[in-house]
PDB file of all heavy atoms in Angstrom:
ATOM      1  N   TRP A   1      61.527  79.810  70.654  1.00  0.00           N
ATOM      2  CA  TRP A   1      60.868  79.745  71.966  1.00  0.00           C
ATOM      3  C   TRP A   1      59.366  79.985  71.876  1.00  0.00           C
ATOM      4  O   TRP A   1      58.597  79.454  72.684  1.00  0.00           O
ATOM      5  CB  TRP A   1      61.495  80.773  72.910  1.00  0.00           C
ATOM      6  CG  TRP A   1      60.890  80.724  74.277  1.00  0.00           C
ATOM      7  CD1 TRP A   1      60.016  81.616  74.824  1.00  0.00           C
ATOM      8  CD2 TRP A   1      61.076  79.698  75.243  1.00  0.00           C
ATOM      9  NE1 TRP A   1      59.649  81.227  76.086  1.00  0.00           N
ATOM     10  CE2 TRP A   1      60.298  80.040  76.374  1.00  0.00           C
ATOM     11  CE3 TRP A   1      61.813  78.520  75.279  1.00  0.00           C
ATOM     12  CZ2 TRP A   1      60.244  79.242  77.526  1.00  0.00           C
ATOM     13  CZ3 TRP A   1      61.765  77.734  76.420  1.00  0.00           C
ATOM     14  CH2 TRP A   1      60.980  78.098  77.518  1.00  0.00           C
ATOM     15  N   GLU A   2      58.915  80.706  70.926  1.00  0.00           N
ATOM     16  CA  GLU A   2      57.513  81.118  70.869  1.00  0.00           C
ATOM     17  C   GLU A   2      56.524  79.957  70.909  1.00  0.00           C
ATOM     18  O   GLU A   2      55.544  80.020  71.672  1.00  0.00           O
ATOM     19  CB  GLU A   2      57.276  81.955  69.595  1.00  0.00           C
ATOM     20  CG  GLU A   2      55.860  82.506  69.482  1.00  0.00           C
ATOM     21  CD  GLU A   2      55.662  83.341  68.246  1.00  0.00           C
ATOM     22  OE1 GLU A   2      56.666  83.551  67.512  1.00  0.00           O
ATOM     23  OE2 GLU A   2      54.524  83.785  68.006  1.00  0.00           O
ATOM     24  N   PRO A   3      56.710  78.873  70.160  1.00  0.00           N
ATOM     25  CA  PRO A   3      55.688  77.807  70.197  1.00  0.00           C
ATOM     26  C   PRO A   3      55.784  76.891  71.415  1.00  0.00           C
ATOM     27  O   PRO A   3      54.968  75.965  71.536  1.00  0.00           O
ATOM     28  CB  PRO A   3      55.973  77.023  68.914  1.00  0.00           C
ATOM     29  CG  PRO A   3      57.427  77.212  68.675  1.00  0.00           C
ATOM     30  CD  PRO A   3      57.736  78.600  69.137  1.00  0.00           C
ATOM     31  N   HIS A   4      56.759  77.127  72.331  1.00  0.00           N
ATOM     32  CA  HIS A   4      56.893  76.213  73.466  1.00  0.00           C
ATOM     33  C   HIS A   4      55.701  76.260  74.412  1.00  0.00           C
ATOM     34  O   HIS A   4      55.482  75.334  75.188  1.00  0.00           O
ATOM     35  CB  HIS A   4      58.183  76.530  74.241  1.00  0.00           C
ATOM     36  CG  HIS A   4      59.386  75.850  73.659  1.00  0.00           C
ATOM     37  ND1 HIS A   4      59.882  76.164  72.410  1.00  0.00           N
ATOM     38  CD2 HIS A   4      60.184  74.863  74.143  1.00  0.00           C
ATOM     39  CE1 HIS A   4      60.943  75.425  72.156  1.00  0.00           C
ATOM     40  NE2 HIS A   4      61.143  74.611  73.191  1.00  0.00           N
ATOM     41  N   GLY A   5      54.916  77.312  74.367  1.00  0.00           N
ATOM     42  CA  GLY A   5      53.747  77.392  75.244  1.00  0.00           C
ATOM     43  C   GLY A   5      52.506  76.755  74.656  1.00  0.00           C
ATOM     44  O   GLY A   5      51.472  76.687  75.330  1.00  0.00           O
ATOM     45  N   THR A   6      52.571  76.275  73.425  1.00  0.00           N
ATOM     46  CA  THR A   6      51.399  75.688  72.777  1.00  0.00           C
ATOM     47  C   THR A   6      51.342  74.191  73.029  1.00  0.00           C
ATOM     48  O   THR A   6      52.342  73.538  73.321  1.00  0.00           O
ATOM     49  CB  THR A   6      51.454  75.937  71.263  1.00  0.00           C
ATOM     50  OG1 THR A   6      52.609  75.304  70.722  1.00  0.00           O
ATOM     51  CG2 THR A   6      51.520  77.436  70.968  1.00  0.00           C
ATOM     52  N   SER A   7      50.172  73.624  72.903  1.00  0.00           N
ATOM     53  CA  SER A   7      49.975  72.206  73.217  1.00  0.00           C
ATOM     54  C   SER A   7      50.521  71.293  72.126  1.00  0.00           C
ATOM     55  O   SER A   7      50.832  70.141  72.376  1.00  0.00           O
ATOM     56  CB  SER A   7      48.474  71.932  73.413  1.00  0.00           C
ATOM     57  OG  SER A   7      47.752  72.288  72.241  1.00  0.00           O
ATOM     58  N   TRP A   8      50.636  71.830  70.900  1.00  0.00           N
ATOM     59  CA  TRP A   8      51.064  70.943  69.811  1.00  0.00           C
ATOM     60  C   TRP A   8      52.581  70.813  69.706  1.00  0.00           C
ATOM     61  O   TRP A   8      53.091  69.954  68.994  1.00  0.00           O
ATOM     62  CB  TRP A   8      50.503  71.455  68.475  1.00  0.00           C
ATOM     63  CG  TRP A   8      50.844  72.900  68.177  1.00  0.00           C
ATOM     64  CD1 TRP A   8      50.089  73.994  68.474  1.00  0.00           C
ATOM     65  CD2 TRP A   8      52.026  73.389  67.527  1.00  0.00           C
ATOM     66  NE1 TRP A   8      50.694  75.143  68.071  1.00  0.00           N
ATOM     67  CE2 TRP A   8      51.900  74.796  67.466  1.00  0.00           C
ATOM     68  CE3 TRP A   8      53.157  72.785  67.004  1.00  0.00           C
ATOM     69  CZ2 TRP A   8      52.880  75.622  66.920  1.00  0.00           C
ATOM     70  CZ3 TRP A   8      54.113  73.615  66.445  1.00  0.00           C
ATOM     71  CH2 TRP A   8      53.992  74.999  66.397  1.00  0.00           C
ATOM     72  N   TYR A   9      53.326  71.665  70.434  1.00  0.00           N
ATOM     73  CA  TYR A   9      54.793  71.608  70.330  1.00  0.00           C
ATOM     74  C   TYR A   9      55.336  70.652  71.381  1.00  0.00           C
ATOM     75  O   TYR A   9      55.149  70.875  72.580  1.00  0.00           O
ATOM     76  CB  TYR A   9      55.382  73.009  70.518  1.00  0.00           C
ATOM     77  CG  TYR A   9      56.845  73.079  70.102  1.00  0.00           C
ATOM     78  CD1 TYR A   9      57.189  73.310  68.777  1.00  0.00           C
ATOM     79  CD2 TYR A   9      57.862  72.902  71.030  1.00  0.00           C
ATOM     80  CE1 TYR A   9      58.512  73.387  68.377  1.00  0.00           C
ATOM     81  CE2 TYR A   9      59.181  72.966  70.645  1.00  0.00           C
ATOM     82  CZ  TYR A   9      59.513  73.208  69.312  1.00  0.00           C
ATOM     83  OH  TYR A   9      60.812  73.263  68.935  1.00  0.00           O
ATOM     84  N   ASN A  10      55.949  69.589  70.960  1.00  0.00           N
ATOM     85  CA  ASN A  10      56.428  68.546  71.876  1.00  0.00           C
ATOM     86  C   ASN A  10      57.951  68.634  72.044  1.00  0.00           C
ATOM     87  O   ASN A  10      58.701  67.868  71.459  1.00  0.00           O
ATOM     88  CB  ASN A  10      56.049  67.161  71.354  1.00  0.00           C
ATOM     89  CG  ASN A  10      54.558  66.974  71.303  1.00  0.00           C
ATOM     90  OD1 ASN A  10      53.847  67.369  72.234  1.00  0.00           O
ATOM     91  ND2 ASN A  10      54.056  66.386  70.221  1.00  0.00           N
ATOM     92  N   CYS A  11      58.408  69.604  72.860  1.00  0.00           N
ATOM     93  CA  CYS A  11      59.851  69.726  73.131  1.00  0.00           C
ATOM     94  C   CYS A  11      60.331  68.586  74.024  1.00  0.00           C
ATOM     95  O   CYS A  11      61.505  68.254  74.032  1.00  0.00           O
ATOM     96  CB  CYS A  11      60.129  71.075  73.803  1.00  0.00           C
ATOM     97  SG  CYS A  11      61.868  71.364  74.192  1.00  0.00           S
ATOM     98  N   ASN A  12      59.382  67.984  74.760  1.00  0.00           N
ATOM     99  CA  ASN A  12      59.756  66.913  75.685  1.00  0.00           C
ATOM    100  C   ASN A  12      59.880  65.559  74.985  1.00  0.00           C
ATOM    101  O   ASN A  12      60.302  64.581  75.595  1.00  0.00           O
ATOM    102  CB  ASN A  12      58.716  66.812  76.803  1.00  0.00           C
ATOM    103  CG  ASN A  12      57.352  66.415  76.257  1.00  0.00           C
ATOM    104  OD1 ASN A  12      56.883  67.024  75.309  1.00  0.00           O
ATOM    105  ND2 ASN A  12      56.717  65.408  76.864  1.00  0.00           N
ATOM    106  N   ARG A  13      59.487  65.490  73.734  1.00  0.00           N
ATOM    107  CA  ARG A  13      59.484  64.210  73.033  1.00  0.00           C
ATOM    108  C   ARG A  13      60.798  64.056  72.274  1.00  0.00           C
ATOM    109  O   ARG A  13      61.134  64.874  71.420  1.00  0.00           O
ATOM    110  CB  ARG A  13      58.296  64.138  72.081  1.00  0.00           C
ATOM    111  CG  ARG A  13      58.138  62.784  71.401  1.00  0.00           C
ATOM    112  CD  ARG A  13      56.802  62.689  70.715  1.00  0.00           C
ATOM    113  NE  ARG A  13      55.722  62.748  71.705  1.00  0.00           N
ATOM    114  CZ  ARG A  13      54.440  62.868  71.388  1.00  0.00           C
ATOM    115  NH1 ARG A  13      54.077  62.975  70.112  1.00  0.00           N
ATOM    116  NH2 ARG A  13      53.524  62.905  72.340  1.00  0.00           N
ATOM    117  N   TYR A  14      61.532  62.997  72.599  1.00  0.00           N
ATOM    118  CA  TYR A  14      62.866  62.780  72.013  1.00  0.00           C
ATOM    119  C   TYR A  14      62.746  62.240  70.598  1.00  0.00           C
ATOM    120  O   TYR A  14      62.019  61.285  70.351  1.00  0.00           O
ATOM    121  CB  TYR A  14      63.660  61.798  72.876  1.00  0.00           C
ATOM    122  CG  TYR A  14      65.067  61.543  72.374  1.00  0.00           C
ATOM    123  CD1 TYR A  14      66.054  62.517  72.484  1.00  0.00           C
ATOM    124  CD2 TYR A  14      65.401  60.325  71.800  1.00  0.00           C
ATOM    125  CE1 TYR A  14      67.334  62.291  72.045  1.00  0.00           C
ATOM    126  CE2 TYR A  14      66.696  60.091  71.347  1.00  0.00           C
ATOM    127  CZ  TYR A  14      67.657  61.079  71.476  1.00  0.00           C
ATOM    128  OH  TYR A  14      68.916  60.849  71.038  1.00  0.00           O
ATOM    129  N   ASN A  15      63.450  62.857  69.672  1.00  0.00           N
ATOM    130  CA  ASN A  15      63.460  62.430  68.276  1.00  0.00           C
ATOM    131  C   ASN A  15      64.861  61.903  67.953  1.00  0.00           C
ATOM    132  O   ASN A  15      65.809  62.665  67.821  1.00  0.00           O
ATOM    133  CB  ASN A  15      63.111  63.612  67.359  1.00  0.00           C
ATOM    134  CG  ASN A  15      62.874  63.162  65.926  1.00  0.00           C
ATOM    135  OD1 ASN A  15      63.579  62.311  65.403  1.00  0.00           O
ATOM    136  ND2 ASN A  15      61.860  63.757  65.290  1.00  0.00           N
ATOM    137  N   GLU A  16      64.979  60.601  67.864  1.00  0.00           N
ATOM    138  CA  GLU A  16      66.273  59.953  67.668  1.00  0.00           C
ATOM    139  C   GLU A  16      66.962  60.411  66.394  1.00  0.00           C
ATOM    140  O   GLU A  16      68.161  60.704  66.381  1.00  0.00           O
ATOM    141  CB  GLU A  16      66.090  58.432  67.645  1.00  0.00           C
ATOM    142  CG  GLU A  16      67.379  57.637  67.420  1.00  0.00           C
ATOM    143  CD  GLU A  16      68.325  57.722  68.589  1.00  0.00           C
ATOM    144  OE1 GLU A  16      67.854  57.892  69.735  1.00  0.00           O
ATOM    145  OE2 GLU A  16      69.548  57.618  68.370  1.00  0.00           O
ATOM    146  N   SER A  17      66.213  60.488  65.303  1.00  0.00           N
ATOM    147  CA  SER A  17      66.830  60.832  64.020  1.00  0.00           C
ATOM    148  C   SER A  17      67.344  62.263  63.995  1.00  0.00           C
ATOM    149  O   SER A  17      68.381  62.545  63.395  1.00  0.00           O
ATOM    150  CB  SER A  17      65.824  60.620  62.889  1.00  0.00           C
ATOM    151  OG  SER A  17      64.683  61.431  63.097  1.00  0.00           O
ATOM    152  N   ASP A  18      66.624  63.188  64.656  1.00  0.00           N
ATOM    153  CA  ASP A  18      67.047  64.584  64.650  1.00  0.00           C
ATOM    154  C   ASP A  18      68.228  64.846  65.586  1.00  0.00           C
ATOM    155  O   ASP A  18      69.046  65.722  65.329  1.00  0.00           O
ATOM    156  CB  ASP A  18      65.882  65.494  65.053  1.00  0.00           C
ATOM    157  CG  ASP A  18      64.768  65.496  64.017  1.00  0.00           C
ATOM    158  OD1 ASP A  18      65.065  65.100  62.867  1.00  0.00           O
ATOM    159  OD2 ASP A  18      63.654  65.894  64.365  1.00  0.00           O
ATOM    160  N   ALA A  19      68.297  64.103  66.679  1.00  0.00           N
ATOM    161  CA  ALA A  19      69.287  64.416  67.709  1.00  0.00           C
ATOM    162  C   ALA A  19      70.532  63.538  67.678  1.00  0.00           C
ATOM    163  O   ALA A  19      71.507  63.813  68.371  1.00  0.00           O
ATOM    164  CB  ALA A  19      68.640  64.298  69.093  1.00  0.00           C
ATOM    165  N   LYS A  20      70.521  62.473  66.888  1.00  0.00           N
ATOM    166  CA  LYS A  20      71.602  61.501  66.928  1.00  0.00           C
ATOM    167  C   LYS A  20      72.962  62.125  66.602  1.00  0.00           C
ATOM    168  O   LYS A  20      73.951  61.919  67.320  1.00  0.00           O
ATOM    169  CB  LYS A  20      71.332  60.345  65.967  1.00  0.00           C
ATOM    170  CG  LYS A  20      72.355  59.219  66.059  1.00  0.00           C
ATOM    171  CD  LYS A  20      71.974  58.074  65.140  1.00  0.00           C
ATOM    172  CE  LYS A  20      72.919  56.906  65.334  1.00  0.00           C
ATOM    173  NZ  LYS A  20      74.325  57.278  65.074  1.00  0.00           N
ATOM    174  N   SER A  21      73.041  62.902  65.523  1.00  0.00           N
ATOM    175  CA  SER A  21      74.326  63.471  65.115  1.00  0.00           C
ATOM    176  C   SER A  21      74.861  64.450  66.159  1.00  0.00           C
ATOM    177  O   SER A  21      76.055  64.427  66.489  1.00  0.00           O
ATOM    178  CB  SER A  21      74.201  64.163  63.758  1.00  0.00           C
ATOM    179  OG  SER A  21      73.219  65.181  63.821  1.00  0.00           O
ATOM    180  N   ALA A  22      73.986  65.298  66.679  1.00  0.00           N
ATOM    181  CA  ALA A  22      74.419  66.260  67.696  1.00  0.00           C
ATOM    182  C   ALA A  22      74.847  65.546  68.975  1.00  0.00           C
ATOM    183  O   ALA A  22      75.841  65.905  69.603  1.00  0.00           O
ATOM    184  CB  ALA A  22      73.299  67.253  67.988  1.00  0.00           C
ATOM    185  N   ARG A  23      74.098  64.528  69.370  1.00  0.00           N
ATOM    186  CA  ARG A  23      74.426  63.787  70.580  1.00  0.00           C
ATOM    187  C   ARG A  23      75.772  63.077  70.436  1.00  0.00           C
ATOM    188  O   ARG A  23      76.625  63.119  71.331  1.00  0.00           O
ATOM    189  CB  ARG A  23      73.341  62.763  70.866  1.00  0.00           C
ATOM    190  CG  ARG A  23      73.584  61.908  72.120  1.00  0.00           C
ATOM    191  CD  ARG A  23      72.670  60.702  72.113  1.00  0.00           C
ATOM    192  NE  ARG A  23      72.946  59.856  70.957  1.00  0.00           N
ATOM    193  CZ  ARG A  23      72.154  58.849  70.565  1.00  0.00           C
ATOM    194  NH1 ARG A  23      71.024  58.616  71.199  1.00  0.00           N
ATOM    195  NH2 ARG A  23      72.476  58.124  69.521  1.00  0.00           N
ATOM    196  N   ASP A  24      75.972  62.432  69.283  1.00  0.00           N
ATOM    197  CA  ASP A  24      77.226  61.705  69.071  1.00  0.00           C
ATOM    198  C   ASP A  24      78.419  62.639  69.082  1.00  0.00           C
ATOM    199  O   ASP A  24      79.468  62.326  69.651  1.00  0.00           O
ATOM    200  CB  ASP A  24      77.168  60.945  67.743  1.00  0.00           C
ATOM    201  CG  ASP A  24      76.187  59.783  67.776  1.00  0.00           C
ATOM    202  OD1 ASP A  24      75.762  59.410  68.885  1.00  0.00           O
ATOM    203  OD2 ASP A  24      75.844  59.264  66.701  1.00  0.00           O
ATOM    204  N   ALA A  25      78.253  63.795  68.449  1.00  0.00           N
ATOM    205  CA  ALA A  25      79.363  64.747  68.407  1.00  0.00           C
ATOM    206  C   ALA A  25      79.700  65.251  69.797  1.00  0.00           C
ATOM    207  O   ALA A  25      80.874  65.327  70.190  1.00  0.00           O
ATOM    208  CB  ALA A  25      79.006  65.913  67.485  1.00  0.00           C
ATOM    209  N   GLN A  26      78.661  65.566  70.570  1.00  0.00           N
ATOM    210  CA  GLN A  26      78.909  66.106  71.904  1.00  0.00           C
ATOM    211  C   GLN A  26      79.469  65.037  72.837  1.00  0.00           C
ATOM    212  O   GLN A  26      80.410  65.282  73.588  1.00  0.00           O
ATOM    213  CB  GLN A  26      77.623  66.690  72.489  1.00  0.00           C
ATOM    214  CG  GLN A  26      77.867  67.465  73.789  1.00  0.00           C
ATOM    215  CD  GLN A  26      76.623  68.175  74.258  1.00  0.00           C
ATOM    216  OE1 GLN A  26      75.523  67.688  74.066  1.00  0.00           O
ATOM    217  NE2 GLN A  26      76.791  69.334  74.874  1.00  0.00           N
ATOM    218  N   MET A  27      78.931  63.831  72.785  1.00  0.00           N
ATOM    219  CA  MET A  27      79.430  62.764  73.643  1.00  0.00           C
ATOM    220  C   MET A  27      80.851  62.366  73.258  1.00  0.00           C
ATOM    221  O   MET A  27      81.682  62.049  74.118  1.00  0.00           O
ATOM    222  CB  MET A  27      78.494  61.555  73.552  1.00  0.00           C
ATOM    223  CG  MET A  27      77.118  61.794  74.163  1.00  0.00           C
ATOM    224  SD  MET A  27      77.212  62.299  75.914  1.00  0.00           S
ATOM    225  CE  MET A  27      77.882  60.789  76.636  1.00  0.00           C
ATOM    226  N   GLY A  28      81.140  62.377  71.944  1.00  0.00           N
ATOM    227  CA  GLY A  28      82.498  62.063  71.517  1.00  0.00           C
ATOM    228  C   GLY A  28      83.495  63.077  72.013  1.00  0.00           C
ATOM    229  O   GLY A  28      84.586  62.726  72.483  1.00  0.00           O
ATOM    230  N   SER A  29      83.143  64.348  71.955  1.00  0.00           N
ATOM    231  CA  SER A  29      84.022  65.395  72.457  1.00  0.00           C
ATOM    232  C   SER A  29      84.191  65.288  73.970  1.00  0.00           C
ATOM    233  O   SER A  29      85.281  65.499  74.510  1.00  0.00           O
ATOM    234  CB  SER A  29      83.454  66.772  72.099  1.00  0.00           C
ATOM    235  OG  SER A  29      83.439  66.947  70.710  1.00  0.00           O
ATOM    236  N   ARG A  30      83.108  64.960  74.667  1.00  0.00           N
ATOM    237  CA  ARG A  30      83.183  64.824  76.121  1.00  0.00           C
ATOM    238  C   ARG A  30      84.111  63.670  76.509  1.00  0.00           C
ATOM    239  O   ARG A  30      84.945  63.804  77.408  1.00  0.00           O
ATOM    240  CB  ARG A  30      81.791  64.609  76.701  1.00  0.00           C
ATOM    241  CG  ARG A  30      81.747  64.613  78.225  1.00  0.00           C
ATOM    242  CD  ARG A  30      80.351  64.279  78.728  1.00  0.00           C
ATOM    243  NE  ARG A  30      79.376  65.234  78.253  1.00  0.00           N
ATOM    244  CZ  ARG A  30      79.129  66.398  78.842  1.00  0.00           C
ATOM    245  NH1 ARG A  30      79.810  66.744  79.930  1.00  0.00           N
ATOM    246  NH2 ARG A  30      78.212  67.212  78.359  1.00  0.00           N
ATOM    247  N   ALA A  31      83.978  62.545  75.811  1.00  0.00           N
ATOM    248  CA  ALA A  31      84.818  61.391  76.118  1.00  0.00           C
ATOM    249  C   ALA A  31      86.283  61.688  75.813  1.00  0.00           C
ATOM    250  O   ALA A  31      87.180  61.314  76.583  1.00  0.00           O
ATOM    251  CB  ALA A  31      84.340  60.177  75.320  1.00  0.00           C
ATOM    252  N   ALA A  32      86.537  62.379  74.680  1.00  0.00           N
ATOM    253  CA  ALA A  32      87.910  62.723  74.323  1.00  0.00           C
ATOM    254  C   ALA A  32      88.516  63.671  75.344  1.00  0.00           C
ATOM    255  O   ALA A  32      89.696  63.547  75.723  1.00  0.00           O
ATOM    256  CB  ALA A  32      87.951  63.340  72.931  1.00  0.00           C
ATOM    257  N   LEU A  33      87.710  64.627  75.808  1.00  0.00           N
ATOM    258  CA  LEU A  33      88.191  65.570  76.806  1.00  0.00           C
ATOM    259  C   LEU A  33      88.508  64.876  78.115  1.00  0.00           C
ATOM    260  O   LEU A  33      89.546  65.123  78.739  1.00  0.00           O
ATOM    261  CB  LEU A  33      87.150  66.676  77.016  1.00  0.00           C
ATOM    262  CG  LEU A  33      87.485  67.718  78.088  1.00  0.00           C
ATOM    263  CD1 LEU A  33      88.762  68.457  77.730  1.00  0.00           C
ATOM    264  CD2 LEU A  33      86.324  68.694  78.256  1.00  0.00           C
ATOM    265  N   GLU A  34      87.620  63.997  78.567  1.00  0.00           N
ATOM    266  CA  GLU A  34      87.842  63.283  79.827  1.00  0.00           C
ATOM    267  C   GLU A  34      89.084  62.395  79.748  1.00  0.00           C
ATOM    268  O   GLU A  34      89.857  62.294  80.710  1.00  0.00           O
ATOM    269  CB  GLU A  34      86.612  62.454  80.178  1.00  0.00           C
ATOM    270  CG  GLU A  34      85.404  63.300  80.577  1.00  0.00           C
ATOM    271  CD  GLU A  34      84.169  62.457  80.842  1.00  0.00           C
ATOM    272  OE1 GLU A  34      84.228  61.236  80.561  1.00  0.00           O
ATOM    273  OE2 GLU A  34      83.156  63.021  81.302  1.00  0.00           O
ATOM    274  N   ARG A  35      89.288  61.755  78.598  1.00  0.00           N
ATOM    275  CA  ARG A  35      90.471  60.900  78.443  1.00  0.00           C
ATOM    276  C   ARG A  35      91.748  61.736  78.476  1.00  0.00           C
ATOM    277  O   ARG A  35      92.738  61.373  79.119  1.00  0.00           O
ATOM    278  CB  ARG A  35      90.387  60.138  77.116  1.00  0.00           C
ATOM    279  CG  ARG A  35      91.528  59.156  76.891  1.00  0.00           C
ATOM    280  CD  ARG A  35      91.303  58.340  75.625  1.00  0.00           C
ATOM    281  NE  ARG A  35      92.341  57.333  75.475  1.00  0.00           N
ATOM    282  CZ  ARG A  35      93.506  57.545  74.893  1.00  0.00           C
ATOM    283  NH1 ARG A  35      93.763  58.749  74.393  1.00  0.00           N
ATOM    284  NH2 ARG A  35      94.406  56.583  74.800  1.00  0.00           N
ATOM    285  N   TYR A  36      91.716  62.858  77.778  1.00  0.00           N
ATOM    286  CA  TYR A  36      92.893  63.742  77.786  1.00  0.00           C
ATOM    287  C   TYR A  36      93.195  64.245  79.195  1.00  0.00           C
ATOM    288  O   TYR A  36      94.347  64.248  79.637  1.00  0.00           O
ATOM    289  CB  TYR A  36      92.662  64.910  76.838  1.00  0.00           C
ATOM    290  CG  TYR A  36      93.660  66.032  77.011  1.00  0.00           C
ATOM    291  CD1 TYR A  36      94.954  65.919  76.517  1.00  0.00           C
ATOM    292  CD2 TYR A  36      93.312  67.204  77.690  1.00  0.00           C
ATOM    293  CE1 TYR A  36      95.875  66.943  76.686  1.00  0.00           C
ATOM    294  CE2 TYR A  36      94.221  68.221  77.860  1.00  0.00           C
ATOM    295  CZ  TYR A  36      95.503  68.094  77.352  1.00  0.00           C
ATOM    296  OH  TYR A  36      96.407  69.102  77.536  1.00  0.00           O
TER     297      TYR A  36
END
């Protein structure tokens, strides 16, 4: 959390390569849960 107040930290900028695996895992679990 500490660097979130600085101008150089871009938490709002989406990084596809960093987030793809986490997103896929979470969306897959969500879809499986909804189907069940």
